[in-house]
Amino acid sequence: LIENKYHISFAESCTGGLCSATLVNVT
C-alpha cells in the first residue's frame, strides 16, 4: 500500500473490525 501510495478502508460486518485491527498491528 505504501509503495503504491494507496490508502485503505474496511467495511466490516461479520468480522467486526478484525481486518482493521490486524492492519493496525503493523508499524
mmCIF file of all heavy atoms, coordinates in Angstrom:
data_MODEL
# 
_entry.id   MODEL 
# 
loop_
_atom_site.group_PDB 
_atom_site.id 
_atom_site.type_symbol 
_atom_site.label_atom_id 
_atom_site.label_alt_id 
_atom_site.label_comp_id 
_atom_site.label_asym_id 
_atom_site.label_entity_id 
_atom_site.label_seq_id 
_atom_site.pdbx_PDB_ins_code 
_atom_site.Cartn_x 
_atom_site.Cartn_y 
_atom_site.Cartn_z 
_atom_site.occupancy 
_atom_site.B_iso_or_equiv 
_atom_site.pdbx_formal_charge 
_atom_site.auth_seq_id 
_atom_site.auth_comp_id 
_atom_site.auth_asym_id 
_atom_site.auth_atom_id 
_atom_site.pdbx_PDB_model_num 
ATOM 1   N N   . LEU A 1 1  ? 0.834   -1.206  0.000  1.00 0.00 ? 1  LEU A N   1 
ATOM 2   C CA  . LEU A 1 1  ? 0.000   0.000   0.000  1.00 0.00 ? 1  LEU A CA  1 
ATOM 3   C C   . LEU A 1 1  ? 0.868   1.255   0.000  1.00 0.00 ? 1  LEU A C   1 
ATOM 4   O O   . LEU A 1 1  ? 0.623   2.188   -0.762 1.00 0.00 ? 1  LEU A O   1 
ATOM 5   C CB  . LEU A 1 1  ? -0.941  -0.006  1.209  1.00 0.00 ? 1  LEU A CB  1 
ATOM 6   C CG  . LEU A 1 1  ? -2.085  -1.025  1.174  1.00 0.00 ? 1  LEU A CG  1 
ATOM 7   C CD1 . LEU A 1 1  ? -2.694  -1.191  2.562  1.00 0.00 ? 1  LEU A CD1 1 
ATOM 8   C CD2 . LEU A 1 1  ? -3.145  -0.628  0.159  1.00 0.00 ? 1  LEU A CD2 1 
ATOM 9   N N   . ILE A 1 2  ? 1.898   1.266   0.827  1.00 0.00 ? 2  ILE A N   1 
ATOM 10  C CA  . ILE A 1 2  ? 2.813   2.413   0.886  1.00 0.00 ? 2  ILE A CA  1 
ATOM 11  C C   . ILE A 1 2  ? 3.514   2.586   -0.462 1.00 0.00 ? 2  ILE A C   1 
ATOM 12  O O   . ILE A 1 2  ? 3.603   3.702   -0.987 1.00 0.00 ? 2  ILE A O   1 
ATOM 13  C CB  . ILE A 1 2  ? 3.834   2.248   2.035  1.00 0.00 ? 2  ILE A CB  1 
ATOM 14  C CG1 . ILE A 1 2  ? 3.118   2.363   3.388  1.00 0.00 ? 2  ILE A CG1 1 
ATOM 15  C CG2 . ILE A 1 2  ? 4.960   3.275   1.919  1.00 0.00 ? 2  ILE A CG2 1 
ATOM 16  C CD1 . ILE A 1 2  ? 3.975   1.971   4.587  1.00 0.00 ? 2  ILE A CD1 1 
ATOM 17  N N   . GLU A 1 3  ? 3.994   1.486   -1.009 1.00 0.00 ? 3  GLU A N   1 
ATOM 18  C CA  . GLU A 1 3  ? 4.687   1.506   -2.294 1.00 0.00 ? 3  GLU A CA  1 
ATOM 19  C C   . GLU A 1 3  ? 3.816   2.108   -3.402 1.00 0.00 ? 3  GLU A C   1 
ATOM 20  O O   . GLU A 1 3  ? 4.284   2.873   -4.244 1.00 0.00 ? 3  GLU A O   1 
ATOM 21  C CB  . GLU A 1 3  ? 5.082   0.065   -2.654 1.00 0.00 ? 3  GLU A CB  1 
ATOM 22  C CG  . GLU A 1 3  ? 5.840   -0.126  -3.933 1.00 0.00 ? 3  GLU A CG  1 
ATOM 23  C CD  . GLU A 1 3  ? 6.110   -1.610  -4.187 1.00 0.00 ? 3  GLU A CD  1 
ATOM 24  O OE1 . GLU A 1 3  ? 6.569   -2.294  -3.240 1.00 0.00 ? 3  GLU A OE1 1 
ATOM 25  O OE2 . GLU A 1 3  ? 5.834   -2.074  -5.305 1.00 0.00 ? 3  GLU A OE2 1 
ATOM 26  N N   . ASN A 1 4  ? 2.513   1.772   -3.383 1.00 0.00 ? 4  ASN A N   1 
ATOM 27  C CA  . ASN A 1 4  ? 1.575   2.269   -4.395 1.00 0.00 ? 4  ASN A CA  1 
ATOM 28  C C   . ASN A 1 4  ? 0.968   3.631   -4.042 1.00 0.00 ? 4  ASN A C   1 
ATOM 29  O O   . ASN A 1 4  ? 0.172   4.168   -4.815 1.00 0.00 ? 4  ASN A O   1 
ATOM 30  C CB  . ASN A 1 4  ? 0.438   1.263   -4.608 1.00 0.00 ? 4  ASN A CB  1 
ATOM 31  C CG  . ASN A 1 4  ? 0.897   0.027   -5.334 1.00 0.00 ? 4  ASN A CG  1 
ATOM 32  O OD1 . ASN A 1 4  ? 1.559   0.103   -6.365 1.00 0.00 ? 4  ASN A OD1 1 
ATOM 33  N ND2 . ASN A 1 4  ? 0.567   -1.136  -4.791 1.00 0.00 ? 4  ASN A ND2 1 
ATOM 34  N N   . LYS A 1 5  ? 1.333   4.147   -2.858 1.00 0.00 ? 5  LYS A N   1 
ATOM 35  C CA  . LYS A 1 5  ? 0.759   5.406   -2.353 1.00 0.00 ? 5  LYS A CA  1 
ATOM 36  C C   . LYS A 1 5  ? -0.769  5.318   -2.224 1.00 0.00 ? 5  LYS A C   1 
ATOM 37  O O   . LYS A 1 5  ? -1.493  6.255   -2.550 1.00 0.00 ? 5  LYS A O   1 
ATOM 38  C CB  . LYS A 1 5  ? 1.170   6.595   -3.233 1.00 0.00 ? 5  LYS A CB  1 
ATOM 39  C CG  . LYS A 1 5  ? 2.664   6.857   -3.222 1.00 0.00 ? 5  LYS A CG  1 
ATOM 40  C CD  . LYS A 1 5  ? 3.022   8.046   -4.088 1.00 0.00 ? 5  LYS A CD  1 
ATOM 41  C CE  . LYS A 1 5  ? 4.444   8.477   -3.919 1.00 0.00 ? 5  LYS A CE  1 
ATOM 42  N NZ  . LYS A 1 5  ? 5.466   7.624   -4.473 1.00 0.00 ? 5  LYS A NZ  1 
ATOM 43  N N   . TYR A 1 6  ? -1.241  4.153   -1.754 1.00 0.00 ? 6  TYR A N   1 
ATOM 44  C CA  . TYR A 1 6  ? -2.661  3.903   -1.566 1.00 0.00 ? 6  TYR A CA  1 
ATOM 45  C C   . TYR A 1 6  ? -3.036  4.022   -0.099 1.00 0.00 ? 6  TYR A C   1 
ATOM 46  O O   . TYR A 1 6  ? -2.250  3.713   0.795  1.00 0.00 ? 6  TYR A O   1 
ATOM 47  C CB  . TYR A 1 6  ? -3.031  2.480   -2.003 1.00 0.00 ? 6  TYR A CB  1 
ATOM 48  C CG  . TYR A 1 6  ? -3.087  2.221   -3.484 1.00 0.00 ? 6  TYR A CG  1 
ATOM 49  C CD1 . TYR A 1 6  ? -3.060  0.908   -3.946 1.00 0.00 ? 6  TYR A CD1 1 
ATOM 50  C CD2 . TYR A 1 6  ? -3.187  3.235   -4.427 1.00 0.00 ? 6  TYR A CD2 1 
ATOM 51  C CE1 . TYR A 1 6  ? -3.134  0.620   -5.304 1.00 0.00 ? 6  TYR A CE1 1 
ATOM 52  C CE2 . TYR A 1 6  ? -3.261  2.957   -5.781 1.00 0.00 ? 6  TYR A CE2 1 
ATOM 53  C CZ  . TYR A 1 6  ? -3.227  1.643   -6.215 1.00 0.00 ? 6  TYR A CZ  1 
ATOM 54  O OH  . TYR A 1 6  ? -3.298  1.359   -7.551 1.00 0.00 ? 6  TYR A OH  1 
ATOM 55  N N   . HIS A 1 7  ? -4.290  4.420   0.123  1.00 0.00 ? 7  HIS A N   1 
ATOM 56  C CA  . HIS A 1 7  ? -4.914  4.351   1.445  1.00 0.00 ? 7  HIS A CA  1 
ATOM 57  C C   . HIS A 1 7  ? -5.982  3.271   1.379  1.00 0.00 ? 7  HIS A C   1 
ATOM 58  O O   . HIS A 1 7  ? -6.586  3.059   0.330  1.00 0.00 ? 7  HIS A O   1 
ATOM 59  C CB  . HIS A 1 7  ? -5.528  5.696   1.829  1.00 0.00 ? 7  HIS A CB  1 
ATOM 60  C CG  . HIS A 1 7  ? -4.500  6.720   2.133  1.00 0.00 ? 7  HIS A CG  1 
ATOM 61  N ND1 . HIS A 1 7  ? -3.919  7.495   1.152  1.00 0.00 ? 7  HIS A ND1 1 
ATOM 62  C CD2 . HIS A 1 7  ? -3.919  7.080   3.305  1.00 0.00 ? 7  HIS A CD2 1 
ATOM 63  C CE1 . HIS A 1 7  ? -3.022  8.295   1.712  1.00 0.00 ? 7  HIS A CE1 1 
ATOM 64  N NE2 . HIS A 1 7  ? -3.005  8.068   3.012  1.00 0.00 ? 7  HIS A NE2 1 
ATOM 65  N N   . ILE A 1 8  ? -6.214  2.624   2.495  1.00 0.00 ? 8  ILE A N   1 
ATOM 66  C CA  . ILE A 1 8  ? -7.183  1.528   2.560  1.00 0.00 ? 8  ILE A CA  1 
ATOM 67  C C   . ILE A 1 8  ? -8.223  1.818   3.625  1.00 0.00 ? 8  ILE A C   1 
ATOM 68  O O   . ILE A 1 8  ? -7.929  2.450   4.644  1.00 0.00 ? 8  ILE A O   1 
ATOM 69  C CB  . ILE A 1 8  ? -6.472  0.177   2.856  1.00 0.00 ? 8  ILE A CB  1 
ATOM 70  C CG1 . ILE A 1 8  ? -7.438  -0.995  2.696  1.00 0.00 ? 8  ILE A CG1 1 
ATOM 71  C CG2 . ILE A 1 8  ? -5.807  0.190   4.226  1.00 0.00 ? 8  ILE A CG2 1 
ATOM 72  C CD1 . ILE A 1 8  ? -6.750  -2.361  2.684  1.00 0.00 ? 8  ILE A CD1 1 
ATOM 73  N N   . SER A 1 9  ? -9.450  1.376   3.355  1.00 0.00 ? 9  SER A N   1 
ATOM 74  C CA  . SER A 1 9  ? -10.536 1.434   4.334  1.00 0.00 ? 9  SER A CA  1 
ATOM 75  C C   . SER A 1 9  ? -11.294 0.118   4.275  1.00 0.00 ? 9  SER A C   1 
ATOM 76  O O   . SER A 1 9  ? -11.421 -0.482  3.205  1.00 0.00 ? 9  SER A O   1 
ATOM 77  C CB  . SER A 1 9  ? -11.484 2.588   4.032  1.00 0.00 ? 9  SER A CB  1 
ATOM 78  O OG  . SER A 1 9  ? -10.816 3.812   4.187  1.00 0.00 ? 9  SER A OG  1 
ATOM 79  N N   . PHE A 1 10 ? -11.795 -0.291  5.418  1.00 0.00 ? 10 PHE A N   1 
ATOM 80  C CA  . PHE A 1 10 ? -12.547 -1.536  5.509  1.00 0.00 ? 10 PHE A CA  1 
ATOM 81  C C   . PHE A 1 10 ? -14.000 -1.242  5.850  1.00 0.00 ? 10 PHE A C   1 
ATOM 82  O O   . PHE A 1 10 ? -14.295 -0.328  6.620  1.00 0.00 ? 10 PHE A O   1 
ATOM 83  C CB  . PHE A 1 10 ? -11.966 -2.438  6.609  1.00 0.00 ? 10 PHE A CB  1 
ATOM 84  C CG  . PHE A 1 10 ? -10.565 -2.892  6.345  1.00 0.00 ? 10 PHE A CG  1 
ATOM 85  C CD1 . PHE A 1 10 ? -9.487  -2.202  6.875  1.00 0.00 ? 10 PHE A CD1 1 
ATOM 86  C CD2 . PHE A 1 10 ? -10.316 -4.013  5.561  1.00 0.00 ? 10 PHE A CD2 1 
ATOM 87  C CE1 . PHE A 1 10 ? -8.185  -2.618  6.643  1.00 0.00 ? 10 PHE A CE1 1 
ATOM 88  C CE2 . PHE A 1 10 ? -9.016  -4.429  5.319  1.00 0.00 ? 10 PHE A CE2 1 
ATOM 89  C CZ  . PHE A 1 10 ? -7.952  -3.732  5.859  1.00 0.00 ? 10 PHE A CZ  1 
ATOM 90  N N   . ALA A 1 11 ? -14.902 -2.045  5.283  1.00 0.00 ? 11 ALA A N   1 
ATOM 91  C CA  . ALA A 1 11 ? -16.313 -2.058  5.645  1.00 0.00 ? 11 ALA A CA  1 
ATOM 92  C C   . ALA A 1 11 ? -16.582 -3.482  6.122  1.00 0.00 ? 11 ALA A C   1 
ATOM 93  O O   . ALA A 1 11 ? -16.676 -4.406  5.325  1.00 0.00 ? 11 ALA A O   1 
ATOM 94  C CB  . ALA A 1 11 ? -17.183 -1.712  4.447  1.00 0.00 ? 11 ALA A CB  1 
ATOM 95  N N   . GLU A 1 12 ? -16.653 -3.641  7.431  1.00 0.00 ? 12 GLU A N   1 
ATOM 96  C CA  . GLU A 1 12 ? -16.740 -4.985  8.005  1.00 0.00 ? 12 GLU A CA  1 
ATOM 97  C C   . GLU A 1 12 ? -18.090 -5.225  8.659  1.00 0.00 ? 12 GLU A C   1 
ATOM 98  O O   . GLU A 1 12 ? -18.608 -4.365  9.351  1.00 0.00 ? 12 GLU A O   1 
ATOM 99  C CB  . GLU A 1 12 ? -15.636 -5.182  9.044  1.00 0.00 ? 12 GLU A CB  1 
ATOM 100 C CG  . GLU A 1 12 ? -14.239 -5.026  8.472  1.00 0.00 ? 12 GLU A CG  1 
ATOM 101 C CD  . GLU A 1 12 ? -13.170 -5.315  9.492  1.00 0.00 ? 12 GLU A CD  1 
ATOM 102 O OE1 . GLU A 1 12 ? -13.085 -6.470  9.945  1.00 0.00 ? 12 GLU A OE1 1 
ATOM 103 O OE2 . GLU A 1 12 ? -12.430 -4.372  9.847  1.00 0.00 ? 12 GLU A OE2 1 
ATOM 104 N N   . SER A 1 13 ? -18.604 -6.408  8.436  1.00 0.00 ? 13 SER A N   1 
ATOM 105 C CA  . SER A 1 13 ? -19.811 -6.837  9.125  1.00 0.00 ? 13 SER A CA  1 
ATOM 106 C C   . SER A 1 13 ? -19.440 -7.977  10.063 1.00 0.00 ? 13 SER A C   1 
ATOM 107 O O   . SER A 1 13 ? -19.087 -7.754  11.211 1.00 0.00 ? 13 SER A O   1 
ATOM 108 C CB  . SER A 1 13 ? -20.894 -7.234  8.124  1.00 0.00 ? 13 SER A CB  1 
ATOM 109 O OG  . SER A 1 13 ? -22.119 -7.454  8.790  1.00 0.00 ? 13 SER A OG  1 
ATOM 110 N N   . CYS A 1 14 ? -19.412 -9.215  9.578  1.00 0.00 ? 14 CYS A N   1 
ATOM 111 C CA  . CYS A 1 14 ? -19.205 -10.358 10.476 1.00 0.00 ? 14 CYS A CA  1 
ATOM 112 C C   . CYS A 1 14 ? -17.824 -10.380 11.129 1.00 0.00 ? 14 CYS A C   1 
ATOM 113 O O   . CYS A 1 14 ? -17.655 -11.008 12.174 1.00 0.00 ? 14 CYS A O   1 
ATOM 114 C CB  . CYS A 1 14 ? -19.487 -11.673 9.756  1.00 0.00 ? 14 CYS A CB  1 
ATOM 115 S SG  . CYS A 1 14 ? -18.314 -12.091 8.461  1.00 0.00 ? 14 CYS A SG  1 
ATOM 116 N N   . THR A 1 15 ? -16.844 -9.700  10.553 1.00 0.00 ? 15 THR A N   1 
ATOM 117 C CA  . THR A 1 15 ? -15.513 -9.667  11.166 1.00 0.00 ? 15 THR A CA  1 
ATOM 118 C C   . THR A 1 15 ? -15.411 -8.612  12.262 1.00 0.00 ? 15 THR A C   1 
ATOM 119 O O   . THR A 1 15 ? -14.443 -8.605  13.024 1.00 0.00 ? 15 THR A O   1 
ATOM 120 C CB  . THR A 1 15 ? -14.415 -9.448  10.109 1.00 0.00 ? 15 THR A CB  1 
ATOM 121 O OG1 . THR A 1 15 ? -14.804 -8.377  9.251  1.00 0.00 ? 15 THR A OG1 1 
ATOM 122 C CG2 . THR A 1 15 ? -14.167 -10.697 9.296  1.00 0.00 ? 15 THR A CG2 1 
ATOM 123 N N   . GLY A 1 16 ? -16.372 -7.718  12.341 1.00 0.00 ? 16 GLY A N   1 
ATOM 124 C CA  . GLY A 1 16 ? -16.477 -6.795  13.461 1.00 0.00 ? 16 GLY A CA  1 
ATOM 125 C C   . GLY A 1 16 ? -15.246 -5.951  13.744 1.00 0.00 ? 16 GLY A C   1 
ATOM 126 O O   . GLY A 1 16 ? -14.976 -5.623  14.892 1.00 0.00 ? 16 GLY A O   1 
ATOM 127 N N   . GLY A 1 17 ? -14.475 -5.610  12.737 1.00 0.00 ? 17 GLY A N   1 
ATOM 128 C CA  . GLY A 1 17 ? -13.305 -4.764  12.937 1.00 0.00 ? 17 GLY A CA  1 
ATOM 129 C C   . GLY A 1 17 ? -11.978 -5.508  12.979 1.00 0.00 ? 17 GLY A C   1 
ATOM 130 O O   . GLY A 1 17 ? -10.927 -4.892  13.134 1.00 0.00 ? 17 GLY A O   1 
ATOM 131 N N   . LEU A 1 18 ? -12.011 -6.827  12.822 1.00 0.00 ? 18 LEU A N   1 
ATOM 132 C CA  . LEU A 1 18 ? -10.766 -7.605  12.894 1.00 0.00 ? 18 LEU A CA  1 
ATOM 133 C C   . LEU A 1 18 ? -9.796  -7.298  11.752 1.00 0.00 ? 18 LEU A C   1 
ATOM 134 O O   . LEU A 1 18 ? -8.580  -7.380  11.946 1.00 0.00 ? 18 LEU A O   1 
ATOM 135 C CB  . LEU A 1 18 ? -11.061 -9.112  12.896 1.00 0.00 ? 18 LEU A CB  1 
ATOM 136 C CG  . LEU A 1 18 ? -11.501 -9.727  14.220 1.00 0.00 ? 18 LEU A CG  1 
ATOM 137 C CD1 . LEU A 1 18 ? -11.765 -11.219 14.047 1.00 0.00 ? 18 LEU A CD1 1 
ATOM 138 C CD2 . LEU A 1 18 ? -10.452 -9.507  15.295 1.00 0.00 ? 18 LEU A CD2 1 
ATOM 139 N N   . CYS A 1 19 ? -10.322 -6.945  10.580 1.00 0.00 ? 19 CYS A N   1 
ATOM 140 C CA  . CYS A 1 19 ? -9.423  -6.584  9.472  1.00 0.00 ? 19 CYS A CA  1 
ATOM 141 C C   . CYS A 1 19 ? -8.656  -5.321  9.825  1.00 0.00 ? 19 CYS A C   1 
ATOM 142 O O   . CYS A 1 19 ? -7.426  -5.267  9.689  1.00 0.00 ? 19 CYS A O   1 
ATOM 143 C CB  . CYS A 1 19 ? -10.203 -6.396  8.171  1.00 0.00 ? 19 CYS A CB  1 
ATOM 144 S SG  . CYS A 1 19 ? -10.914 -7.908  7.502  1.00 0.00 ? 19 CYS A SG  1 
ATOM 145 N N   . SER A 1 20 ? -9.374  -4.309  10.282 1.00 0.00 ? 20 SER A N   1 
ATOM 146 C CA  . SER A 1 20 ? -8.720  -3.061  10.692 1.00 0.00 ? 20 SER A CA  1 
ATOM 147 C C   . SER A 1 20 ? -7.736  -3.309  11.822 1.00 0.00 ? 20 SER A C   1 
ATOM 148 O O   . SER A 1 20 ? -6.610  -2.807  11.801 1.00 0.00 ? 20 SER A O   1 
ATOM 149 C CB  . SER A 1 20 ? -9.756  -2.036  11.153 1.00 0.00 ? 20 SER A CB  1 
ATOM 150 O OG  . SER A 1 20 ? -10.571 -1.641  10.088 1.00 0.00 ? 20 SER A OG  1 
ATOM 151 N N   . ALA A 1 21 ? -8.153  -4.088  12.810 1.00 0.00 ? 21 ALA A N   1 
ATOM 152 C CA  . ALA A 1 21 ? -7.293  -4.377  13.954 1.00 0.00 ? 21 ALA A CA  1 
ATOM 153 C C   . ALA A 1 21 ? -6.029  -5.112  13.523 1.00 0.00 ? 21 ALA A C   1 
ATOM 154 O O   . ALA A 1 21 ? -4.936  -4.838  14.041 1.00 0.00 ? 21 ALA A O   1 
ATOM 155 C CB  . ALA A 1 21 ? -8.058  -5.195  14.993 1.00 0.00 ? 21 ALA A CB  1 
ATOM 156 N N   . THR A 1 22 ? -6.149  -6.015  12.571 1.00 0.00 ? 22 THR A N   1 
ATOM 157 C CA  . THR A 1 22 ? -4.989  -6.757  12.083 1.00 0.00 ? 22 THR A CA  1 
ATOM 158 C C   . THR A 1 22 ? -4.027  -5.818  11.370 1.00 0.00 ? 22 THR A C   1 
ATOM 159 O O   . THR A 1 22 ? -2.806  -5.894  11.564 1.00 0.00 ? 22 THR A O   1 
ATOM 160 C CB  . THR A 1 22 ? -5.434  -7.906  11.154 1.00 0.00 ? 22 THR A CB  1 
ATOM 161 O OG1 . THR A 1 22 ? -6.270  -8.794  11.912 1.00 0.00 ? 22 THR A OG1 1 
ATOM 162 C CG2 . THR A 1 22 ? -4.255  -8.678  10.598 1.00 0.00 ? 22 THR A CG2 1 
ATOM 163 N N   . LEU A 1 23 ? -4.553  -4.915  10.566 1.00 0.00 ? 23 LEU A N   1 
ATOM 164 C CA  . LEU A 1 23 ? -3.705  -3.958  9.865  1.00 0.00 ? 23 LEU A CA  1 
ATOM 165 C C   . LEU A 1 23 ? -2.985  -3.049  10.857 1.00 0.00 ? 23 LEU A C   1 
ATOM 166 O O   . LEU A 1 23 ? -1.801  -2.740  10.700 1.00 0.00 ? 23 LEU A O   1 
ATOM 167 C CB  . LEU A 1 23 ? -4.529  -3.121  8.881  1.00 0.00 ? 23 LEU A CB  1 
ATOM 168 C CG  . LEU A 1 23 ? -3.679  -2.276  7.942  1.00 0.00 ? 23 LEU A CG  1 
ATOM 169 C CD1 . LEU A 1 23 ? -3.312  -3.089  6.712  1.00 0.00 ? 23 LEU A CD1 1 
ATOM 170 C CD2 . LEU A 1 23 ? -4.410  -1.024  7.540  1.00 0.00 ? 23 LEU A CD2 1 
ATOM 171 N N   . VAL A 1 24 ? -3.690  -2.644  11.902 1.00 0.00 ? 24 VAL A N   1 
ATOM 172 C CA  . VAL A 1 24 ? -3.124  -1.729  12.892 1.00 0.00 ? 24 VAL A CA  1 
ATOM 173 C C   . VAL A 1 24 ? -2.021  -2.395  13.723 1.00 0.00 ? 24 VAL A C   1 
ATOM 174 O O   . VAL A 1 24 ? -1.204  -1.710  14.335 1.00 0.00 ? 24 VAL A O   1 
ATOM 175 C CB  . VAL A 1 24 ? -4.250  -1.141  13.782 1.00 0.00 ? 24 VAL A CB  1 
ATOM 176 C CG1 . VAL A 1 24 ? -3.706  -0.353  14.953 1.00 0.00 ? 24 VAL A CG1 1 
ATOM 177 C CG2 . VAL A 1 24 ? -5.147  -0.253  12.939 1.00 0.00 ? 24 VAL A CG2 1 
ATOM 178 N N   . ASN A 1 25 ? -1.918  -3.713  13.686 1.00 0.00 ? 25 ASN A N   1 
ATOM 179 C CA  . ASN A 1 25 ? -0.805  -4.406  14.344 1.00 0.00 ? 25 ASN A CA  1 
ATOM 180 C C   . ASN A 1 25 ? 0.535   -4.047  13.713 1.00 0.00 ? 25 ASN A C   1 
ATOM 181 O O   . ASN A 1 25 ? 1.578   -4.262  14.310 1.00 0.00 ? 25 ASN A O   1 
ATOM 182 C CB  . ASN A 1 25 ? -0.978  -5.931  14.243 1.00 0.00 ? 25 ASN A CB  1 
ATOM 183 C CG  . ASN A 1 25 ? -2.059  -6.453  15.150 1.00 0.00 ? 25 ASN A CG  1 
ATOM 184 O OD1 . ASN A 1 25 ? -2.397  -5.853  16.155 1.00 0.00 ? 25 ASN A OD1 1 
ATOM 185 N ND2 . ASN A 1 25 ? -2.605  -7.599  14.793 1.00 0.00 ? 25 ASN A ND2 1 
ATOM 186 N N   . VAL A 1 26 ? 0.500   -3.517  12.493 1.00 0.00 ? 26 VAL A N   1 
ATOM 187 C CA  . VAL A 1 26 ? 1.707   -3.266  11.717 1.00 0.00 ? 26 VAL A CA  1 
ATOM 188 C C   . VAL A 1 26 ? 2.214   -1.845  11.932 1.00 0.00 ? 26 VAL A C   1 
ATOM 189 O O   . VAL A 1 26 ? 1.435   -0.885  11.868 1.00 0.00 ? 26 VAL A O   1 
ATOM 190 C CB  . VAL A 1 26 ? 1.428   -3.489  10.203 1.00 0.00 ? 26 VAL A CB  1 
ATOM 191 C CG1 . VAL A 1 26 ? 2.661   -3.202  9.373  1.00 0.00 ? 26 VAL A CG1 1 
ATOM 192 C CG2 . VAL A 1 26 ? 0.925   -4.896  9.958  1.00 0.00 ? 26 VAL A CG2 1 
ATOM 193 N N   . THR A 1 27 ? 3.522   -1.716  12.165 1.00 0.00 ? 27 THR A N   1 
ATOM 194 C CA  . THR A 1 27 ? 4.157   -0.413  12.180 1.00 0.00 ? 27 THR A CA  1 
ATOM 195 C C   . THR A 1 27 ? 3.909   0.240   10.823 1.00 0.00 ? 27 THR A C   1 
ATOM 196 O O   . THR A 1 27 ? 3.927   -0.428  9.802  1.00 0.00 ? 27 THR A O   1 
ATOM 197 C CB  . THR A 1 27 ? 5.683   -0.581  12.402 1.00 0.00 ? 27 THR A CB  1 
ATOM 198 O OG1 . THR A 1 27 ? 5.879   -1.291  13.618 1.00 0.00 ? 27 THR A OG1 1 
ATOM 199 C CG2 . THR A 1 27 ? 6.390   0.757   12.470 1.00 0.00 ? 27 THR A CG2 1 
# 
